[in-house]
């Protein structure tokens, strides 16, 4: 059963545009580094309706095992460390079975 992983990131006022772009680059690279990621997209909010969350990520995993491998992986944890280093202020995460409505 496919897993959809949605994350919104809020940063401190001191986080630069360049740092956010680097964070998104590192997040996108996870698709090449880790098995089981079918699709991964990340970008900045353009609507200004996201209550201060500036960057979003949507990733789809082949199954629960791939998702469970992703979270603690050294590759993912390295990106999490970078996000914290550049001023991550809050994260909103939502995960669901992508094909549950079939």
C-alpha atoms as a PDB file:
ATOM      1  CA  UNK A   1       0.000   0.000   0.000  1.00  0.00           C
ATOM      2  CA  UNK A   2       1.547   3.316  -1.081  1.00  0.00           C
ATOM      3  CA  UNK A   3       2.271   5.971   1.537  1.00  0.00           C
ATOM      4  CA  UNK A   4       1.868   9.717   0.956  1.00  0.00           C
ATOM      5  CA  UNK A   5       4.097  11.889   3.168  1.00  0.00           C
ATOM      6  CA  UNK A   6       3.311  15.620   3.389  1.00  0.00           C
ATOM      7  CA  UNK A   7       5.448  18.054   5.377  1.00  0.00           C
ATOM      8  CA  UNK A   8       5.254  21.825   5.866  1.00  0.00           C
ATOM      9  CA  UNK A   9       8.283  23.706   7.190  1.00  0.00           C
ATOM     10  CA  UNK A  10       8.315  27.015   9.060  1.00  0.00           C
ATOM     11  CA  UNK A  11      11.635  28.824   9.490  1.00  0.00           C
ATOM     12  CA  UNK A  12      12.930  31.571  11.737  1.00  0.00           C
ATOM     13  CA  UNK A  13      13.106  35.095  10.330  1.00  0.00           C
ATOM     14  CA  UNK A  14      16.897  34.758  10.026  1.00  0.00           C
ATOM     15  CA  UNK A  15      16.746  31.862   7.560  1.00  0.00           C
ATOM     16  CA  UNK A  16      17.805  33.103   4.126  1.00  0.00           C
ATOM     17  CA  UNK A  17      16.256  32.330   0.758  1.00  0.00           C
ATOM     18  CA  UNK A  18      19.530  30.620  -0.220  1.00  0.00           C
ATOM     19  CA  UNK A  19      19.389  28.375   2.839  1.00  0.00           C
ATOM     20  CA  UNK A  20      15.805  27.371   2.025  1.00  0.00           C
ATOM     21  CA  UNK A  21      16.814  26.618  -1.567  1.00  0.00           C
ATOM     22  CA  UNK A  22      19.700  24.468  -0.321  1.00  0.00           C
ATOM     23  CA  UNK A  23      17.318  22.643   2.034  1.00  0.00           C
ATOM     24  CA  UNK A  24      14.952  21.875  -0.853  1.00  0.00           C
ATOM     25  CA  UNK A  25      17.869  20.671  -2.974  1.00  0.00           C
ATOM     26  CA  UNK A  26      18.921  18.300  -0.194  1.00  0.00           C
ATOM     27  CA  UNK A  27      15.359  17.077   0.266  1.00  0.00           C
ATOM     28  CA  UNK A  28      14.973  16.408  -3.470  1.00  0.00           C
ATOM     29  CA  UNK A  29      18.224  14.451  -3.499  1.00  0.00           C
ATOM     30  CA  UNK A  30      16.771  11.925  -1.043  1.00  0.00           C
ATOM     31  CA  UNK A  31      14.856  10.384  -3.958  1.00  0.00           C
ATOM     32  CA  UNK A  32      18.161   9.289  -5.495  1.00  0.00           C
ATOM     33  CA  UNK A  33      19.699   8.197  -2.197  1.00  0.00           C
ATOM     34  CA  UNK A  34      16.961   6.053  -0.683  1.00  0.00           C
ATOM     35  CA  UNK A  35      15.030   3.114  -2.142  1.00  0.00           C
ATOM     36  CA  UNK A  36      11.259   3.073  -2.211  1.00  0.00           C
ATOM     37  CA  UNK A  37      10.595   6.756  -2.934  1.00  0.00           C
ATOM     38  CA  UNK A  38       8.318   6.850  -5.984  1.00  0.00           C
ATOM     39  CA  UNK A  39       8.051  10.607  -6.180  1.00  0.00           C
ATOM     40  CA  UNK A  40       9.262  13.600  -4.194  1.00  0.00           C
ATOM     41  CA  UNK A  41       8.507  17.278  -4.735  1.00  0.00           C
ATOM     42  CA  UNK A  42       9.351  20.322  -2.644  1.00  0.00           C
ATOM     43  CA  UNK A  43       8.953  24.044  -3.189  1.00  0.00           C
ATOM     44  CA  UNK A  44       7.974  27.323  -1.546  1.00  0.00           C
ATOM     45  CA  UNK A  45       4.397  28.407  -0.932  1.00  0.00           C
ATOM     46  CA  UNK A  46       3.159  30.937  -3.483  1.00  0.00           C
ATOM     47  CA  UNK A  47      -0.288  31.568  -2.027  1.00  0.00           C
ATOM     48  CA  UNK A  48       0.665  33.147   1.310  1.00  0.00           C
ATOM     49  CA  UNK A  49      -2.193  31.155   2.864  1.00  0.00           C
ATOM     50  CA  UNK A  50      -0.005  28.617   4.656  1.00  0.00           C
ATOM     51  CA  UNK A  51       0.013  30.322   8.077  1.00  0.00           C
ATOM     52  CA  UNK A  52       3.748  30.992   8.028  1.00  0.00           C
ATOM     53  CA  UNK A  53       4.808  27.607   6.669  1.00  0.00           C
ATOM     54  CA  UNK A  54       7.083  28.502   3.788  1.00  0.00           C
ATOM     55  CA  UNK A  55       8.307  25.239   2.271  1.00  0.00           C
ATOM     56  CA  UNK A  56       6.304  22.128   1.497  1.00  0.00           C
ATOM     57  CA  UNK A  57       7.307  18.581   0.686  1.00  0.00           C
ATOM     58  CA  UNK A  58       5.208  15.812  -0.843  1.00  0.00           C
ATOM     59  CA  UNK A  59       6.731  12.348  -1.139  1.00  0.00           C
ATOM     60  CA  UNK A  60       5.195   9.065  -2.153  1.00  0.00           C
ATOM     61  CA  UNK A  61       6.626   5.755  -0.972  1.00  0.00           C
ATOM     62  CA  UNK A  62       6.096   2.305  -2.446  1.00  0.00           C
ATOM     63  CA  UNK A  63       4.970   0.883   0.894  1.00  0.00           C
ATOM     64  CA  UNK A  64       5.139   1.256   4.668  1.00  0.00           C
ATOM     65  CA  UNK A  65       8.528  -0.477   4.853  1.00  0.00           C
ATOM     66  CA  UNK A  66      10.085   2.116   2.526  1.00  0.00           C
ATOM     67  CA  UNK A  67       8.612   4.942   4.625  1.00  0.00           C
ATOM     68  CA  UNK A  68       9.786   3.351   7.867  1.00  0.00           C
ATOM     69  CA  UNK A  69      13.291   3.044   6.370  1.00  0.00           C
ATOM     70  CA  UNK A  70      13.269   6.703   5.263  1.00  0.00           C
ATOM     71  CA  UNK A  71      12.556   8.354   8.612  1.00  0.00           C
ATOM     72  CA  UNK A  72      15.576   7.056  10.613  1.00  0.00           C
ATOM     73  CA  UNK A  73      17.969   6.787   7.645  1.00  0.00           C
ATOM     74  CA  UNK A  74      21.277   8.640   7.945  1.00  0.00           C
ATOM     75  CA  UNK A  75      20.501  10.478   4.685  1.00  0.00           C
ATOM     76  CA  UNK A  76      17.178  11.817   5.962  1.00  0.00           C
ATOM     77  CA  UNK A  77      18.582  12.615   9.395  1.00  0.00           C
ATOM     78  CA  UNK A  78      21.408  14.623   7.762  1.00  0.00           C
ATOM     79  CA  UNK A  79      18.790  16.796   6.032  1.00  0.00           C
ATOM     80  CA  UNK A  80      16.844  17.175   9.289  1.00  0.00           C
ATOM     81  CA  UNK A  81      20.059  18.322  10.999  1.00  0.00           C
ATOM     82  CA  UNK A  82      20.636  20.899   8.240  1.00  0.00           C
ATOM     83  CA  UNK A  83      17.054  22.173   8.571  1.00  0.00           C
ATOM     84  CA  UNK A  84      17.531  22.666  12.312  1.00  0.00           C
ATOM     85  CA  UNK A  85      20.907  24.347  11.709  1.00  0.00           C
ATOM     86  CA  UNK A  86      19.383  26.961   9.377  1.00  0.00           C
ATOM     87  CA  UNK A  87      16.516  27.857  11.707  1.00  0.00           C
ATOM     88  CA  UNK A  88      13.691  25.346  11.410  1.00  0.00           C
ATOM     89  CA  UNK A  89      10.997  26.717  13.725  1.00  0.00           C
ATOM     90  CA  UNK A  90       8.154  24.214  13.225  1.00  0.00           C
ATOM     91  CA  UNK A  91       7.099  21.234  11.153  1.00  0.00           C
ATOM     92  CA  UNK A  92       3.633  20.001  10.296  1.00  0.00           C
ATOM     93  CA  UNK A  93       3.544  16.426   9.031  1.00  0.00           C
ATOM     94  CA  UNK A  94       0.662  14.386   7.626  1.00  0.00           C
ATOM     95  CA  UNK A  95       0.951  10.805   6.383  1.00  0.00           C
ATOM     96  CA  UNK A  96      -1.705   8.604   4.803  1.00  0.00           C
ATOM     97  CA  UNK A  97      -2.215   5.487   2.715  1.00  0.00           C
ATOM     98  CA  UNK A  98      -2.325   6.891  -0.811  1.00  0.00           C
ATOM     99  CA  UNK A  99      -4.304   4.082  -2.370  1.00  0.00           C
ATOM    100  CA  UNK A 100      -6.745   3.441   0.497  1.00  0.00           C
ATOM    101  CA  UNK A 101      -9.681   4.802  -1.498  1.00  0.00           C
ATOM    102  CA  UNK A 102      -9.380   2.161  -4.212  1.00  0.00           C
END
